[in-house]
């Protein structure tokens, strides 16, 4: 008799689980803007997109080094071409990861370094991944290490050339949003560093997010810790990317860092949540995860299962409407 009851009870549980899995969860994100890529949103409560995730090492203490522009000598883990753009005649010089094929860029780069990090005649340079001091001079140590900066400041008391001022991409899980172009007016009452389409919907640096990797089925809490190219959506800190891949070893070169990109991720951002982080000295990976998880539960109706189901529905809708953006095939158009 007990065996029969146990089997009946198990059958009921299995049936209940099956019915729960069959319940269709609505995405309920009716609005969309397309700048620089399509984003679903629901009137400032949340934003959602599906995009490849490239790796951002900015803020890492060993991101860039003056004498290791390719990150191949053990001095840096990022290509210096990802922290600065060199132009000649208004045309950007392509940074080639293979040093043997990068002679044009390297020649121009060396002339800039020899000129005190100022562009000599006939060359222009835009340095955006490296900190500058109060005199607008590039922050470079005696050993040649360059101070990599993030637009979100973690320690406001630290000087501009102190690495502790910035968010370390090797330690904290973060995502990057497009920055506001110099020609764009800032949105009144909003974060002036964030691109207007996001800022006008209440997004600011420090806001919480959740990122899901459908290949590994791993989801992680994150926060907006940096801004990047105006025409790109889809970058995450080294720590976030490693965690989403289920990997533990840190990259030791530029090639290793840039090989970590993920082909598809699902991202939900929660505007107006930056204030929950508290002082920068309290920011930890565990705290960010806990805060983001609480928002994710709420977004899913009170449970992580509900949140993951809603995430899957939103991802299916997004990929059906915007397949090129979801795969990154529209990057060349921007």
C-alpha atoms as a PDB file:
ATOM      1  CA  UNK A   1       0.000   0.000   0.000  1.00  0.00           C
ATOM      2  CA  UNK A   2       2.793   2.407   0.945  1.00  0.00           C
ATOM      3  CA  UNK A   3       4.543   1.586  -2.339  1.00  0.00           C
ATOM      4  CA  UNK A   4       1.350   2.373  -4.280  1.00  0.00           C
ATOM      5  CA  UNK A   5       0.855   5.703  -2.468  1.00  0.00           C
ATOM      6  CA  UNK A   6       4.471   6.634  -3.017  1.00  0.00           C
ATOM      7  CA  UNK A   7       4.232   5.874  -6.718  1.00  0.00           C
ATOM      8  CA  UNK A   8       0.972   7.796  -7.015  1.00  0.00           C
ATOM      9  CA  UNK A   9       2.478  10.778  -5.197  1.00  0.00           C
ATOM     10  CA  UNK A  10       5.539  10.685  -7.472  1.00  0.00           C
ATOM     11  CA  UNK A  11       3.299  10.552 -10.535  1.00  0.00           C
ATOM     12  CA  UNK A  12       1.384  13.593  -9.336  1.00  0.00           C
ATOM     13  CA  UNK A  13       4.632  15.481  -8.770  1.00  0.00           C
ATOM     14  CA  UNK A  14       5.921  14.600 -12.235  1.00  0.00           C
ATOM     15  CA  UNK A  15       2.639  15.592 -13.802  1.00  0.00           C
ATOM     16  CA  UNK A  16       2.629  18.870 -11.923  1.00  0.00           C
ATOM     17  CA  UNK A  17       6.182  19.622 -13.049  1.00  0.00           C
ATOM     18  CA  UNK A  18       5.305  18.877 -16.650  1.00  0.00           C
ATOM     19  CA  UNK A  19       2.302  21.169 -16.569  1.00  0.00           C
ATOM     20  CA  UNK A  20       4.386  23.930 -14.979  1.00  0.00           C
ATOM     21  CA  UNK A  21       6.973  23.579 -17.716  1.00  0.00           C
ATOM     22  CA  UNK A  22       4.241  23.806 -20.345  1.00  0.00           C
ATOM     23  CA  UNK A  23       2.923  27.135 -19.033  1.00  0.00           C
ATOM     24  CA  UNK A  24       3.652  29.879 -21.537  1.00  0.00           C
ATOM     25  CA  UNK A  25       5.300  32.935 -19.974  1.00  0.00           C
ATOM     26  CA  UNK A  26       4.838  36.269 -21.714  1.00  0.00           C
ATOM     27  CA  UNK A  27       7.776  38.557 -22.385  1.00  0.00           C
ATOM     28  CA  UNK A  28       5.568  41.667 -21.979  1.00  0.00           C
ATOM     29  CA  UNK A  29       8.178  44.030 -23.370  1.00  0.00           C
ATOM     30  CA  UNK A  30       6.186  45.787 -26.040  1.00  0.00           C
ATOM     31  CA  UNK A  31       8.413  48.759 -26.850  1.00  0.00           C
ATOM     32  CA  UNK A  32      11.541  48.759 -29.008  1.00  0.00           C
ATOM     33  CA  UNK A  33      14.243  51.229 -29.967  1.00  0.00           C
ATOM     34  CA  UNK A  34      17.026  50.554 -32.458  1.00  0.00           C
ATOM     35  CA  UNK A  35      20.135  52.528 -31.546  1.00  0.00           C
ATOM     36  CA  UNK A  36      22.725  51.175 -32.086  1.00  0.00           C
ATOM     37  CA  UNK A  37      20.978  47.770 -32.062  1.00  0.00           C
ATOM     38  CA  UNK A  38      17.381  46.723 -31.279  1.00  0.00           C
ATOM     39  CA  UNK A  39      16.458  46.782 -27.588  1.00  0.00           C
ATOM     40  CA  UNK A  40      13.166  45.644 -26.060  1.00  0.00           C
ATOM     41  CA  UNK A  41      11.894  47.600 -23.064  1.00  0.00           C
ATOM     42  CA  UNK A  42       8.870  48.145 -20.873  1.00  0.00           C
ATOM     43  CA  UNK A  43       8.715  51.782 -19.832  1.00  0.00           C
ATOM     44  CA  UNK A  44      11.877  52.004 -17.711  1.00  0.00           C
ATOM     45  CA  UNK A  45      11.234  48.842 -15.692  1.00  0.00           C
ATOM     46  CA  UNK A  46      13.696  46.766 -17.719  1.00  0.00           C
ATOM     47  CA  UNK A  47      15.524  46.506 -21.028  1.00  0.00           C
ATOM     48  CA  UNK A  48      16.394  43.349 -22.940  1.00  0.00           C
ATOM     49  CA  UNK A  49      18.537  42.297 -25.890  1.00  0.00           C
ATOM     50  CA  UNK A  50      20.270  39.299 -27.436  1.00  0.00           C
ATOM     51  CA  UNK A  51      23.798  39.948 -28.630  1.00  0.00           C
ATOM     52  CA  UNK A  52      27.253  38.381 -28.883  1.00  0.00           C
ATOM     53  CA  UNK A  53      29.409  39.370 -25.898  1.00  0.00           C
ATOM     54  CA  UNK A  54      32.878  40.701 -26.612  1.00  0.00           C
ATOM     55  CA  UNK A  55      35.482  41.003 -23.868  1.00  0.00           C
ATOM     56  CA  UNK A  56      36.372  44.302 -22.194  1.00  0.00           C
ATOM     57  CA  UNK A  57      39.546  44.384 -20.080  1.00  0.00           C
ATOM     58  CA  UNK A  58      39.428  48.076 -19.203  1.00  0.00           C
ATOM     59  CA  UNK A  59      40.065  48.680 -15.526  1.00  0.00           C
ATOM     60  CA  UNK A  60      42.252  45.583 -15.176  1.00  0.00           C
ATOM     61  CA  UNK A  61      45.566  46.507 -13.586  1.00  0.00           C
ATOM     62  CA  UNK A  62      47.509  44.673 -16.300  1.00  0.00           C
ATOM     63  CA  UNK A  63      45.286  45.567 -19.256  1.00  0.00           C
ATOM     64  CA  UNK A  64      47.756  47.759 -21.181  1.00  0.00           C
ATOM     65  CA  UNK A  65      51.517  48.304 -21.280  1.00  0.00           C
ATOM     66  CA  UNK A  66      53.490  50.831 -23.292  1.00  0.00           C
ATOM     67  CA  UNK A  67      56.068  48.234 -24.366  1.00  0.00           C
ATOM     68  CA  UNK A  68      53.619  45.425 -25.096  1.00  0.00           C
ATOM     69  CA  UNK A  69      50.994  46.802 -27.502  1.00  0.00           C
ATOM     70  CA  UNK A  70      49.979  43.309 -28.642  1.00  0.00           C
ATOM     71  CA  UNK A  71      49.852  41.794 -25.159  1.00  0.00           C
ATOM     72  CA  UNK A  72      52.305  39.134 -26.286  1.00  0.00           C
ATOM     73  CA  UNK A  73      55.253  39.708 -23.953  1.00  0.00           C
ATOM     74  CA  UNK A  74      53.604  38.882 -20.657  1.00  0.00           C
ATOM     75  CA  UNK A  75      53.246  42.539 -19.698  1.00  0.00           C
ATOM     76  CA  UNK A  76      49.621  43.116 -20.758  1.00  0.00           C
ATOM     77  CA  UNK A  77      46.460  41.121 -21.445  1.00  0.00           C
ATOM     78  CA  UNK A  78      44.833  43.437 -23.978  1.00  0.00           C
ATOM     79  CA  UNK A  79      45.638  44.808 -27.414  1.00  0.00           C
ATOM     80  CA  UNK A  80      46.543  48.476 -27.115  1.00  0.00           C
ATOM     81  CA  UNK A  81      44.564  48.999 -30.296  1.00  0.00           C
ATOM     82  CA  UNK A  82      41.444  48.408 -28.184  1.00  0.00           C
ATOM     83  CA  UNK A  83      42.328  51.383 -25.979  1.00  0.00           C
ATOM     84  CA  UNK A  84      43.224  53.937 -28.621  1.00  0.00           C
ATOM     85  CA  UNK A  85      42.544  54.758 -32.256  1.00  0.00           C
ATOM     86  CA  UNK A  86      45.226  56.160 -34.537  1.00  0.00           C
ATOM     87  CA  UNK A  87      44.209  58.024 -37.683  1.00  0.00           C
ATOM     88  CA  UNK A  88      46.112  59.295 -40.691  1.00  0.00           C
ATOM     89  CA  UNK A  89      44.343  61.690 -43.029  1.00  0.00           C
ATOM     90  CA  UNK A  90      41.135  61.094 -41.089  1.00  0.00           C
ATOM     91  CA  UNK A  91      41.312  57.351 -41.780  1.00  0.00           C
ATOM     92  CA  UNK A  92      41.671  54.974 -38.828  1.00  0.00           C
ATOM     93  CA  UNK A  93      44.714  52.744 -39.068  1.00  0.00           C
ATOM     94  CA  UNK A  94      43.748  49.137 -38.559  1.00  0.00           C
ATOM     95  CA  UNK A  95      45.290  47.446 -35.531  1.00  0.00           C
ATOM     96  CA  UNK A  96      46.379  43.943 -36.568  1.00  0.00           C
ATOM     97  CA  UNK A  97      46.808  41.442 -33.695  1.00  0.00           C
ATOM     98  CA  UNK A  98      49.696  39.732 -35.518  1.00  0.00           C
ATOM     99  CA  UNK A  99      52.722  41.950 -34.926  1.00  0.00           C
ATOM    100  CA  UNK A 100      54.321  41.071 -38.264  1.00  0.00           C
ATOM    101  CA  UNK A 101      51.310  42.462 -40.120  1.00  0.00           C
ATOM    102  CA  UNK A 102      50.917  45.563 -37.978  1.00  0.00           C
ATOM    103  CA  UNK A 103      53.858  47.660 -39.169  1.00  0.00           C
ATOM    104  CA  UNK A 104      51.845  50.728 -40.227  1.00  0.00           C
ATOM    105  CA  UNK A 105      50.038  51.003 -36.885  1.00  0.00           C
ATOM    106  CA  UNK A 106      53.197  50.319 -34.869  1.00  0.00           C
ATOM    107  CA  UNK A 107      55.195  52.965 -36.713  1.00  0.00           C
ATOM    108  CA  UNK A 108      52.539  55.575 -35.996  1.00  0.00           C
ATOM    109  CA  UNK A 109      52.195  54.378 -32.390  1.00  0.00           C
ATOM    110  CA  UNK A 110      55.916  54.690 -31.706  1.00  0.00           C
ATOM    111  CA  UNK A 111      55.952  58.209 -33.102  1.00  0.00           C
ATOM    112  CA  UNK A 112      53.136  59.113 -30.693  1.00  0.00           C
ATOM    113  CA  UNK A 113      54.970  57.656 -27.673  1.00  0.00           C
ATOM    114  CA  UNK A 114      58.202  59.418 -28.640  1.00  0.00           C
ATOM    115  CA  UNK A 115      56.233  62.654 -28.898  1.00  0.00           C
ATOM    116  CA  UNK A 116      55.056  62.425 -25.290  1.00  0.00           C
ATOM    117  CA  UNK A 117      51.797  60.647 -26.177  1.00  0.00           C
ATOM    118  CA  UNK A 118      50.834  63.505 -28.469  1.00  0.00           C
ATOM    119  CA  UNK A 119      50.122  62.932 -32.165  1.00  0.00           C
ATOM    120  CA  UNK A 120      52.871  64.327 -34.418  1.00  0.00           C
ATOM    121  CA  UNK A 121      52.087  66.138 -37.653  1.00  0.00           C
ATOM    122  CA  UNK A 122      50.041  64.088 -40.101  1.00  0.00           C
ATOM    123  CA  UNK A 123      48.635  61.787 -37.424  1.00  0.00           C
ATOM    124  CA  UNK A 124      45.657  61.951 -35.077  1.00  0.00           C
ATOM    125  CA  UNK A 125      45.078  59.847 -31.976  1.00  0.00           C
ATOM    126  CA  UNK A 126      42.047  59.176 -29.794  1.00  0.00           C
ATOM    127  CA  UNK A 127      43.019  57.597 -26.459  1.00  0.00           C
ATOM    128  CA  UNK A 128      39.954  56.357 -24.572  1.00  0.00           C
ATOM    129  CA  UNK A 129      40.892  53.263 -22.555  1.00  0.00           C
ATOM    130  CA  UNK A 130      43.743  54.885 -20.612  1.00  0.00           C
ATOM    131  CA  UNK A 131      43.460  57.333 -17.720  1.00  0.00           C
ATOM    132  CA  UNK A 132      44.770  60.905 -17.839  1.00  0.00           C
ATOM    133  CA  UNK A 133      45.922  63.099 -14.977  1.00  0.00           C
ATOM    134  CA  UNK A 134      44.732  66.603 -14.070  1.00  0.00           C
ATOM    135  CA  UNK A 135      47.046  68.019 -16.739  1.00  0.00           C
ATOM    136  CA  UNK A 136      45.514  65.731 -19.389  1.00  0.00           C
ATOM    137  CA  UNK A 137      48.696  63.677 -19.579  1.00  0.00           C
ATOM    138  CA  UNK A 138      48.459  59.911 -20.169  1.00  0.00           C
ATOM    139  CA  UNK A 139      48.903  57.958 -16.926  1.00  0.00           C
ATOM    140  CA  UNK A 140      51.951  55.772 -17.459  1.00  0.00           C
ATOM    141  CA  UNK A 141      54.146  54.333 -14.705  1.00  0.00           C
ATOM    142  CA  UNK A 142      57.927  54.272 -14.632  1.00  0.00           C
ATOM    143  CA  UNK A 143      57.755  50.605 -15.606  1.00  0.00           C
ATOM    144  CA  UNK A 144      55.672  51.434 -18.683  1.00  0.00           C
ATOM    145  CA  UNK A 145      52.383  50.125 -17.312  1.00  0.00           C
ATOM    146  CA  UNK A 146      49.423  52.193 -18.477  1.00  0.00           C
ATOM    147  CA  UNK A 147      46.566  52.900 -16.083  1.00  0.00           C
ATOM    148  CA  UNK A 148      43.410  51.485 -17.648  1.00  0.00           C
ATOM    149  CA  UNK A 149      40.288  53.438 -16.740  1.00  0.00           C
ATOM    150  CA  UNK A 150      36.540  52.809 -16.541  1.00  0.00           C
ATOM    151  CA  UNK A 151      33.865  55.468 -16.777  1.00  0.00           C
ATOM    152  CA  UNK A 152      32.344  54.254 -13.498  1.00  0.00           C
ATOM    153  CA  UNK A 153      34.582  55.266 -10.612  1.00  0.00           C
ATOM    154  CA  UNK A 154      34.864  52.857  -7.682  1.00  0.00           C
ATOM    155  CA  UNK A 155      37.096  54.921  -5.399  1.00  0.00           C
ATOM    156  CA  UNK A 156      36.381  58.640  -5.784  1.00  0.00           C
ATOM    157  CA  UNK A 157      39.174  59.556  -3.359  1.00  0.00           C
ATOM    158  CA  UNK A 158      41.870  57.907  -5.476  1.00  0.00           C
ATOM    159  CA  UNK A 159      43.783  60.111  -7.895  1.00  0.00           C
ATOM    160  CA  UNK A 160      43.216  59.894 -11.637  1.00  0.00           C
ATOM    161  CA  UNK A 161      46.428  57.902 -12.139  1.00  0.00           C
ATOM    162  CA  UNK A 162      45.720  55.495  -9.266  1.00  0.00           C
ATOM    163  CA  UNK A 163      44.436  52.161 -10.618  1.00  0.00           C
ATOM    164  CA  UNK A 164      42.336  51.773  -7.457  1.00  0.00           C
ATOM    165  CA  UNK A 165      40.073  54.537  -8.754  1.00  0.00           C
ATOM    166  CA  UNK A 166      38.622  52.270 -11.434  1.00  0.00           C
ATOM    167  CA  UNK A 167      36.613  49.030 -11.595  1.00  0.00           C
ATOM    168  CA  UNK A 168      38.872  46.010 -12.084  1.00  0.00           C
ATOM    169  CA  UNK A 169      37.550  43.983 -15.030  1.00  0.00           C
ATOM    170  CA  UNK A 170      39.266  40.861 -13.681  1.00  0.00           C
ATOM    171  CA  UNK A 171      37.388  40.985 -10.378  1.00  0.00           C
ATOM    172  CA  UNK A 172      33.882  42.342 -10.921  1.00  0.00           C
ATOM    173  CA  UNK A 173      31.194  41.173 -13.390  1.00  0.00           C
ATOM    174  CA  UNK A 174      30.117  44.094 -15.534  1.00  0.00           C
ATOM    175  CA  UNK A 175      28.681  45.092 -18.882  1.00  0.00           C
ATOM    176  CA  UNK A 176      29.451  48.036 -21.150  1.00  0.00           C
ATOM    177  CA  UNK A 177      26.885  50.366 -22.709  1.00  0.00           C
ATOM    178  CA  UNK A 178      27.365  52.780 -25.614  1.00  0.00           C
ATOM    179  CA  UNK A 179      28.626  56.196 -24.562  1.00  0.00           C
ATOM    180  CA  UNK A 180      27.080  59.529 -25.461  1.00  0.00           C
ATOM    181  CA  UNK A 181      28.729  60.973 -28.563  1.00  0.00           C
ATOM    182  CA  UNK A 182      30.197  64.498 -28.244  1.00  0.00           C
ATOM    183  CA  UNK A 183      27.650  65.747 -30.774  1.00  0.00           C
ATOM    184  CA  UNK A 184      24.692  64.454 -28.726  1.00  0.00           C
ATOM    185  CA  UNK A 185      23.028  66.538 -26.044  1.00  0.00           C
ATOM    186  CA  UNK A 186      22.861  64.890 -22.612  1.00  0.00           C
ATOM    187  CA  UNK A 187      19.421  63.871 -21.403  1.00  0.00           C
ATOM    188  CA  UNK A 188      18.175  66.195 -18.664  1.00  0.00           C
ATOM    189  CA  UNK A 189      18.467  64.601 -15.240  1.00  0.00           C
ATOM    190  CA  UNK A 190      20.099  61.464 -16.638  1.00  0.00           C
ATOM    191  CA  UNK A 191      23.605  59.981 -16.710  1.00  0.00           C
ATOM    192  CA  UNK A 192      25.568  62.203 -19.150  1.00  0.00           C
ATOM    193  CA  UNK A 193      27.978  59.406 -20.084  1.00  0.00           C
ATOM    194  CA  UNK A 194      25.305  56.987 -21.304  1.00  0.00           C
ATOM    195  CA  UNK A 195      23.985  57.148 -24.903  1.00  0.00           C
ATOM    196  CA  UNK A 196      20.659  59.058 -25.022  1.00  0.00           C
ATOM    197  CA  UNK A 197      18.451  56.090 -26.088  1.00  0.00           C
ATOM    198  CA  UNK A 198      19.422  54.329 -22.843  1.00  0.00           C
ATOM    199  CA  UNK A 199      19.731  57.396 -20.605  1.00  0.00           C
ATOM    200  CA  UNK A 200      16.261  58.622 -21.582  1.00  0.00           C
ATOM    201  CA  UNK A 201      14.882  55.329 -20.264  1.00  0.00           C
ATOM    202  CA  UNK A 202      16.471  55.736 -16.861  1.00  0.00           C
ATOM    203  CA  UNK A 203      19.669  53.728 -17.403  1.00  0.00           C
ATOM    204  CA  UNK A 204      22.831  54.875 -15.639  1.00  0.00           C
ATOM    205  CA  UNK A 205      26.252  53.538 -14.773  1.00  0.00           C
ATOM    206  CA  UNK A 206      26.017  51.181 -11.820  1.00  0.00           C
ATOM    207  CA  UNK A 207      22.614  49.800 -12.747  1.00  0.00           C
ATOM    208  CA  UNK A 208      22.193  46.074 -12.182  1.00  0.00           C
ATOM    209  CA  UNK A 209      21.779  43.474 -14.918  1.00  0.00           C
ATOM    210  CA  UNK A 210      21.604  39.731 -15.510  1.00  0.00           C
ATOM    211  CA  UNK A 211      23.407  38.035 -18.386  1.00  0.00           C
ATOM    212  CA  UNK A 212      22.669  34.475 -19.581  1.00  0.00           C
ATOM    213  CA  UNK A 213      24.810  32.216 -21.755  1.00  0.00           C
ATOM    214  CA  UNK A 214      22.499  29.723 -23.545  1.00  0.00           C
ATOM    215  CA  UNK A 215      25.442  27.503 -24.486  1.00  0.00           C
ATOM    216  CA  UNK A 216      26.495  26.796 -20.896  1.00  0.00           C
ATOM    217  CA  UNK A 217      23.077  27.611 -19.367  1.00  0.00           C
ATOM    218  CA  UNK A 218      24.871  29.826 -16.849  1.00  0.00           C
ATOM    219  CA  UNK A 219      23.414  33.170 -15.761  1.00  0.00           C
ATOM    220  CA  UNK A 220      25.235  35.801 -13.715  1.00  0.00           C
ATOM    221  CA  UNK A 221      24.464  39.090 -12.050  1.00  0.00           C
ATOM    222  CA  UNK A 222      26.354  42.118 -13.337  1.00  0.00           C
ATOM    223  CA  UNK A 223      26.353  45.902 -13.303  1.00  0.00           C
ATOM    224  CA  UNK A 224      27.068  48.655 -15.823  1.00  0.00           C
ATOM    225  CA  UNK A 225      30.686  49.543 -15.099  1.00  0.00           C
ATOM    226  CA  UNK A 226      31.880  51.199 -18.287  1.00  0.00           C
ATOM    227  CA  UNK A 227      30.861  52.921 -21.499  1.00  0.00           C
ATOM    228  CA  UNK A 228      32.241  52.090 -24.905  1.00  0.00           C
ATOM    229  CA  UNK A 229      31.869  52.749 -28.642  1.00  0.00           C
ATOM    230  CA  UNK A 230      28.656  54.576 -29.544  1.00  0.00           C
ATOM    231  CA  UNK A 231      27.887  52.072 -32.306  1.00  0.00           C
ATOM    232  CA  UNK A 232      28.392  48.890 -30.286  1.00  0.00           C
ATOM    233  CA  UNK A 233      26.219  47.022 -27.807  1.00  0.00           C
ATOM    234  CA  UNK A 234      27.615  43.798 -26.398  1.00  0.00           C
ATOM    235  CA  UNK A 235      30.724  43.946 -24.203  1.00  0.00           C
ATOM    236  CA  UNK A 236      31.370  42.425 -20.790  1.00  0.00           C
ATOM    237  CA  UNK A 237      34.208  42.447 -18.276  1.00  0.00           C
ATOM    238  CA  UNK A 238      36.741  39.624 -18.297  1.00  0.00           C
ATOM    239  CA  UNK A 239      35.299  38.368 -15.002  1.00  0.00           C
ATOM    240  CA  UNK A 240      31.750  38.215 -16.344  1.00  0.00           C
ATOM    241  CA  UNK A 241      32.769  36.421 -19.526  1.00  0.00           C
ATOM    242  CA  UNK A 242      34.870  33.856 -17.662  1.00  0.00           C
ATOM    243  CA  UNK A 243      32.026  33.141 -15.248  1.00  0.00           C
ATOM    244  CA  UNK A 244      29.493  32.773 -18.065  1.00  0.00           C
ATOM    245  CA  UNK A 245      31.817  30.319 -19.785  1.00  0.00           C
ATOM    246  CA  UNK A 246      32.403  28.391 -16.573  1.00  0.00           C
ATOM    247  CA  UNK A 247      36.149  29.022 -16.755  1.00  0.00           C
ATOM    248  CA  UNK A 248      38.507  29.895 -13.943  1.00  0.00           C
ATOM    249  CA  UNK A 249      41.904  30.696 -15.445  1.00  0.00           C
ATOM    250  CA  UNK A 250      42.610  34.363 -16.136  1.00  0.00           C
ATOM    251  CA  UNK A 251      43.948  35.303 -19.587  1.00  0.00           C
ATOM    252  CA  UNK A 252      47.677  35.983 -19.808  1.00  0.00           C
ATOM    253  CA  UNK A 253      47.878  37.663 -23.217  1.00  0.00           C
ATOM    254  CA  UNK A 254      45.971  39.812 -25.662  1.00  0.00           C
ATOM    255  CA  UNK A 255      45.184  36.805 -27.817  1.00  0.00           C
ATOM    256  CA  UNK A 256      43.787  34.862 -24.868  1.00  0.00           C
ATOM    257  CA  UNK A 257      41.625  37.770 -23.734  1.00  0.00           C
ATOM    258  CA  UNK A 258      40.154  38.423 -27.158  1.00  0.00           C
ATOM    259  CA  UNK A 259      39.435  34.741 -27.768  1.00  0.00           C
ATOM    260  CA  UNK A 260      36.972  34.626 -24.860  1.00  0.00           C
ATOM    261  CA  UNK A 261      34.032  36.240 -26.660  1.00  0.00           C
ATOM    262  CA  UNK A 262      30.637  34.521 -26.454  1.00  0.00           C
ATOM    263  CA  UNK A 263      28.561  34.112 -29.615  1.00  0.00           C
ATOM    264  CA  UNK A 264      25.163  34.696 -27.960  1.00  0.00           C
ATOM    265  CA  UNK A 265      24.019  36.151 -24.655  1.00  0.00           C
ATOM    266  CA  UNK A 266      20.647  37.274 -23.279  1.00  0.00           C
ATOM    267  CA  UNK A 267      20.800  40.481 -21.248  1.00  0.00           C
ATOM    268  CA  UNK A 268      18.229  42.171 -19.026  1.00  0.00           C
ATOM    269  CA  UNK A 269      19.013  45.546 -17.421  1.00  0.00           C
ATOM    270  CA  UNK A 270      17.185  47.080 -14.462  1.00  0.00           C
ATOM    271  CA  UNK A 271      17.208  50.912 -14.694  1.00  0.00           C
ATOM    272  CA  UNK A 272      17.387  52.926 -11.512  1.00  0.00           C
ATOM    273  CA  UNK A 273      19.054  50.218  -9.423  1.00  0.00           C
ATOM    274  CA  UNK A 274      22.553  51.734  -9.171  1.00  0.00           C
ATOM    275  CA  UNK A 275      21.747  53.297  -5.795  1.00  0.00           C
ATOM    276  CA  UNK A 276      21.475  49.812  -4.291  1.00  0.00           C
ATOM    277  CA  UNK A 277      25.197  49.186  -4.759  1.00  0.00           C
ATOM    278  CA  UNK A 278      26.214  51.478  -1.913  1.00  0.00           C
ATOM    279  CA  UNK A 279      29.772  52.873  -1.536  1.00  0.00           C
ATOM    280  CA  UNK A 280      32.393  51.615  -3.962  1.00  0.00           C
ATOM    281  CA  UNK A 281      34.470  50.055  -1.200  1.00  0.00           C
ATOM    282  CA  UNK A 282      31.596  47.613  -0.567  1.00  0.00           C
ATOM    283  CA  UNK A 283      31.362  46.379  -4.167  1.00  0.00           C
ATOM    284  CA  UNK A 284      32.108  42.692  -4.448  1.00  0.00           C
ATOM    285  CA  UNK A 285      31.222  39.977  -6.901  1.00  0.00           C
ATOM    286  CA  UNK A 286      28.979  38.333  -4.287  1.00  0.00           C
ATOM    287  CA  UNK A 287      27.133  41.576  -3.525  1.00  0.00           C
ATOM    288  CA  UNK A 288      26.486  42.317  -7.194  1.00  0.00           C
ATOM    289  CA  UNK A 289      25.214  38.766  -7.715  1.00  0.00           C
ATOM    290  CA  UNK A 290      22.860  38.970  -4.733  1.00  0.00           C
ATOM    291  CA  UNK A 291      21.436  42.364  -5.708  1.00  0.00           C
ATOM    292  CA  UNK A 292      20.985  41.381  -9.357  1.00  0.00           C
ATOM    293  CA  UNK A 293      19.405  38.065  -8.375  1.00  0.00           C
ATOM    294  CA  UNK A 294      16.812  39.883  -6.251  1.00  0.00           C
ATOM    295  CA  UNK A 295      15.873  42.063  -9.228  1.00  0.00           C
ATOM    296  CA  UNK A 296      15.797  39.040 -11.520  1.00  0.00           C
ATOM    297  CA  UNK A 297      13.392  37.214  -9.199  1.00  0.00           C
ATOM    298  CA  UNK A 298      11.095  40.219  -9.139  1.00  0.00           C
ATOM    299  CA  UNK A 299      11.274  40.464 -12.935  1.00  0.00           C
ATOM    300  CA  UNK A 300      10.255  36.794 -13.127  1.00  0.00           C
ATOM    301  CA  UNK A 301       7.243  37.120 -10.871  1.00  0.00           C
ATOM    302  CA  UNK A 302       8.995  36.108  -7.685  1.00  0.00           C
ATOM    303  CA  UNK A 303      11.064  33.069  -8.692  1.00  0.00           C
ATOM    304  CA  UNK A 304      14.261  32.356 -10.590  1.00  0.00           C
ATOM    305  CA  UNK A 305      12.387  29.708 -12.612  1.00  0.00           C
ATOM    306  CA  UNK A 306       9.852  32.326 -13.657  1.00  0.00           C
ATOM    307  CA  UNK A 307      12.642  34.753 -14.558  1.00  0.00           C
ATOM    308  CA  UNK A 308      14.455  32.174 -16.687  1.00  0.00           C
ATOM    309  CA  UNK A 309      11.213  31.259 -18.451  1.00  0.00           C
ATOM    310  CA  UNK A 310      10.501  34.914 -19.197  1.00  0.00           C
ATOM    311  CA  UNK A 311      14.095  35.355 -20.372  1.00  0.00           C
ATOM    312  CA  UNK A 312      13.682  32.433 -22.788  1.00  0.00           C
ATOM    313  CA  UNK A 313      10.443  33.870 -24.159  1.00  0.00           C
ATOM    314  CA  UNK A 314      11.981  37.307 -24.664  1.00  0.00           C
ATOM    315  CA  UNK A 315      15.009  35.734 -26.361  1.00  0.00           C
ATOM    316  CA  UNK A 316      12.801  33.750 -28.759  1.00  0.00           C
ATOM    317  CA  UNK A 317      10.812  36.877 -29.654  1.00  0.00           C
ATOM    318  CA  UNK A 318      13.963  38.950 -30.102  1.00  0.00           C
ATOM    319  CA  UNK A 319      15.687  36.394 -32.328  1.00  0.00           C
ATOM    320  CA  UNK A 320      12.551  36.034 -34.462  1.00  0.00           C
ATOM    321  CA  UNK A 321      12.284  39.802 -34.978  1.00  0.00           C
ATOM    322  CA  UNK A 322      15.971  40.725 -35.127  1.00  0.00           C
ATOM    323  CA  UNK A 323      18.043  37.710 -36.219  1.00  0.00           C
ATOM    324  CA  UNK A 324      20.904  39.819 -37.615  1.00  0.00           C
ATOM    325  CA  UNK A 325      21.346  41.750 -34.377  1.00  0.00           C
ATOM    326  CA  UNK A 326      21.141  38.620 -32.222  1.00  0.00           C
ATOM    327  CA  UNK A 327      23.968  37.020 -34.202  1.00  0.00           C
ATOM    328  CA  UNK A 328      26.004  40.195 -34.567  1.00  0.00           C
ATOM    329  CA  UNK A 329      25.650  40.168 -38.347  1.00  0.00           C
ATOM    330  CA  UNK A 330      24.472  43.780 -38.309  1.00  0.00           C
ATOM    331  CA  UNK A 331      27.719  45.094 -36.781  1.00  0.00           C
ATOM    332  CA  UNK A 332      29.116  46.084 -40.174  1.00  0.00           C
ATOM    333  CA  UNK A 333      26.051  48.248 -40.757  1.00  0.00           C
ATOM    334  CA  UNK A 334      26.812  50.478 -37.765  1.00  0.00           C
END
